[in-house]
Protein backbone atom coordinates (compact mmCIF):
# COMPACT_ATOMS: atom_id res chain seq x y z
CA MET A 1 -9.69 55.72 -43.76
CA ALA A 2 -12.53 53.45 -44.41
CA LYS A 3 -13.75 51.12 -41.72
CA LYS A 4 -13.50 47.44 -42.39
CA LYS A 5 -16.70 45.54 -42.14
CA ARG A 6 -16.63 42.73 -39.73
CA ARG A 7 -18.25 39.65 -40.90
CA ILE A 8 -19.53 37.75 -37.89
CA ILE A 9 -20.51 34.23 -38.52
CA GLU A 10 -22.97 33.15 -35.89
CA GLU A 11 -22.69 29.57 -34.85
CA LYS A 12 -25.73 27.72 -33.68
CA GLU A 13 -25.61 26.99 -29.99
CA GLU A 14 -26.22 23.46 -28.99
CA GLU A 15 -29.43 23.01 -27.15
CA TYR A 16 -28.83 21.38 -23.80
CA GLU A 17 -31.65 19.92 -21.82
CA PHE A 18 -31.03 18.80 -18.26
CA THR A 19 -32.64 15.50 -17.40
CA PRO A 20 -32.26 14.56 -13.75
CA SER A 21 -31.58 10.97 -12.85
CA GLU A 22 -34.18 8.96 -11.03
CA PHE A 23 -34.27 9.79 -7.33
CA ASP A 24 -35.76 7.46 -4.78
CA GLU A 25 -36.69 9.70 -1.87
CA ARG A 26 -37.66 6.82 0.42
CA GLU A 27 -34.34 5.05 -0.08
CA PHE A 28 -32.46 8.30 0.57
CA ILE A 29 -34.31 8.95 3.83
CA LEU A 30 -33.87 5.35 5.02
CA LYS A 31 -30.12 5.41 4.28
CA ASP A 32 -29.79 8.72 6.11
CA ILE A 33 -31.65 7.46 9.19
CA TYR A 34 -29.67 4.24 9.10
CA GLY A 35 -26.37 6.11 8.87
CA THR A 36 -27.38 8.21 11.87
CA LYS A 37 -28.12 5.09 13.93
CA VAL A 38 -24.73 3.64 13.05
CA LEU A 39 -23.10 6.96 13.98
CA PHE A 40 -24.72 6.85 17.44
CA VAL A 41 -23.41 3.32 18.00
CA VAL A 42 -19.93 4.32 16.81
CA THR A 43 -20.00 7.30 19.18
CA ALA A 44 -20.95 5.10 22.14
CA LEU A 45 -18.18 2.61 21.26
CA ALA A 46 -15.66 5.45 21.00
CA ILE A 47 -16.55 6.72 24.46
CA VAL A 48 -16.19 3.23 25.93
CA ILE A 49 -12.87 2.59 24.18
CA GLY A 50 -11.62 6.03 25.24
CA ILE A 51 -12.35 5.20 28.88
CA VAL A 52 -10.69 1.79 28.52
CA GLY A 53 -7.69 3.46 26.89
CA SER A 54 -7.36 5.94 29.74
CA LEU A 55 -7.46 3.08 32.26
CA LEU A 56 -4.73 1.31 30.29
CA CYS A 57 -2.64 4.49 30.21
CA ARG A 58 -2.93 4.87 33.97
CA ALA A 59 -2.23 1.19 34.66
CA SER A 60 1.08 1.05 32.83
CA SER A 61 2.81 4.40 32.62
CA ASP A 62 5.41 3.68 29.93
CA MET A 63 3.61 1.51 27.39
CA GLY A 64 0.02 2.40 28.22
CA TRP A 65 -0.50 4.82 25.38
CA ILE A 66 0.80 2.28 22.85
CA ILE A 67 -1.56 -0.39 24.15
CA ALA A 68 -4.48 2.09 24.09
CA THR A 69 -3.65 3.05 20.50
CA VAL A 70 -3.47 -0.59 19.43
CA VAL A 71 -6.83 -1.29 21.09
CA ALA A 72 -8.43 1.68 19.27
CA LEU A 73 -6.98 0.64 15.90
CA PHE A 74 -8.06 -2.95 16.50
CA MET A 75 -11.60 -1.71 17.15
CA VAL A 76 -11.55 0.15 13.84
CA LEU A 77 -10.56 -3.08 12.08
CA VAL A 78 -13.28 -5.07 13.86
CA MET A 79 -15.98 -2.38 13.78
CA LYS A 80 -17.66 -3.53 10.58
CA ARG A 81 -18.01 -7.09 11.88
CA LEU A 82 -19.13 -5.81 15.27
CA LEU A 83 -21.84 -3.70 13.66
CA MET A 84 -22.95 -6.73 11.67
CA LEU A 85 -23.19 -8.72 14.91
CA MET A 86 -25.41 -5.95 16.27
CA ARG A 87 -27.67 -6.58 13.25
CA PHE A 88 -26.79 -3.40 11.38
CA ARG A 89 -26.60 -3.77 7.62
CA VAL A 90 -23.34 -2.02 6.95
CA ASP A 91 -23.56 -2.85 3.25
CA LEU A 92 -26.27 -0.17 2.89
CA LEU A 93 -23.77 2.54 3.83
CA ASP A 94 -21.32 4.06 1.38
CA MET A 95 -17.60 3.55 1.83
CA LYS A 96 -17.25 7.30 2.35
CA THR A 97 -19.73 7.17 5.24
CA MET A 98 -17.91 4.27 6.88
CA LEU A 99 -14.55 6.04 6.54
CA ALA A 100 -16.08 9.08 8.24
CA ASN A 101 -17.38 6.82 11.01
CA TYR A 102 -13.92 5.31 11.48
CA LEU A 103 -12.27 8.74 11.71
CA ILE A 104 -14.92 10.01 14.12
CA PHE A 105 -14.35 6.91 16.25
CA LEU A 106 -10.58 7.43 16.39
CA MET A 107 -10.80 11.14 17.16
CA LEU A 108 -13.50 10.76 19.80
CA ALA A 109 -11.73 7.83 21.49
CA LEU A 110 -8.51 9.85 21.55
CA GLY A 111 -10.30 12.88 22.99
CA VAL A 112 -12.03 10.87 25.72
CA CYS A 113 -8.78 9.12 26.57
CA ILE A 114 -6.93 12.44 26.89
CA VAL A 115 -9.67 13.94 29.05
CA PHE A 116 -9.75 10.99 31.43
CA VAL A 117 -5.97 10.75 31.73
CA ASN A 118 -5.56 14.39 32.81
CA ALA A 119 -5.97 16.13 36.16
CA PRO A 120 -9.66 16.26 37.14
CA PHE A 121 -10.15 12.51 36.66
CA VAL A 122 -6.82 11.21 37.95
């Protein structure tokens, strides 16, 4: 049998040229440093609120953990205004960065509260 000839029609490939967007290195570095400063302040606040929460848990045995949770959640709601009072420009930070700061605050405050409620510190 005879072989059939394949007729390949070559299509022209589109030429793609990558053009990067403008990148302001100075602004990127300043935002990163600024975000780190805010993270340090959020960490310090979480440690303080964790200690306050553990004192509240020890003071009232039944409802202490609810009061400590409400205090921590209230601090999350007030944190943006509190940072503004400390003369941090929170508007420079992305919403994603602030959400990460809020979650870090809650987890660290919870961890500190649990550590200070348990045996070695009682």
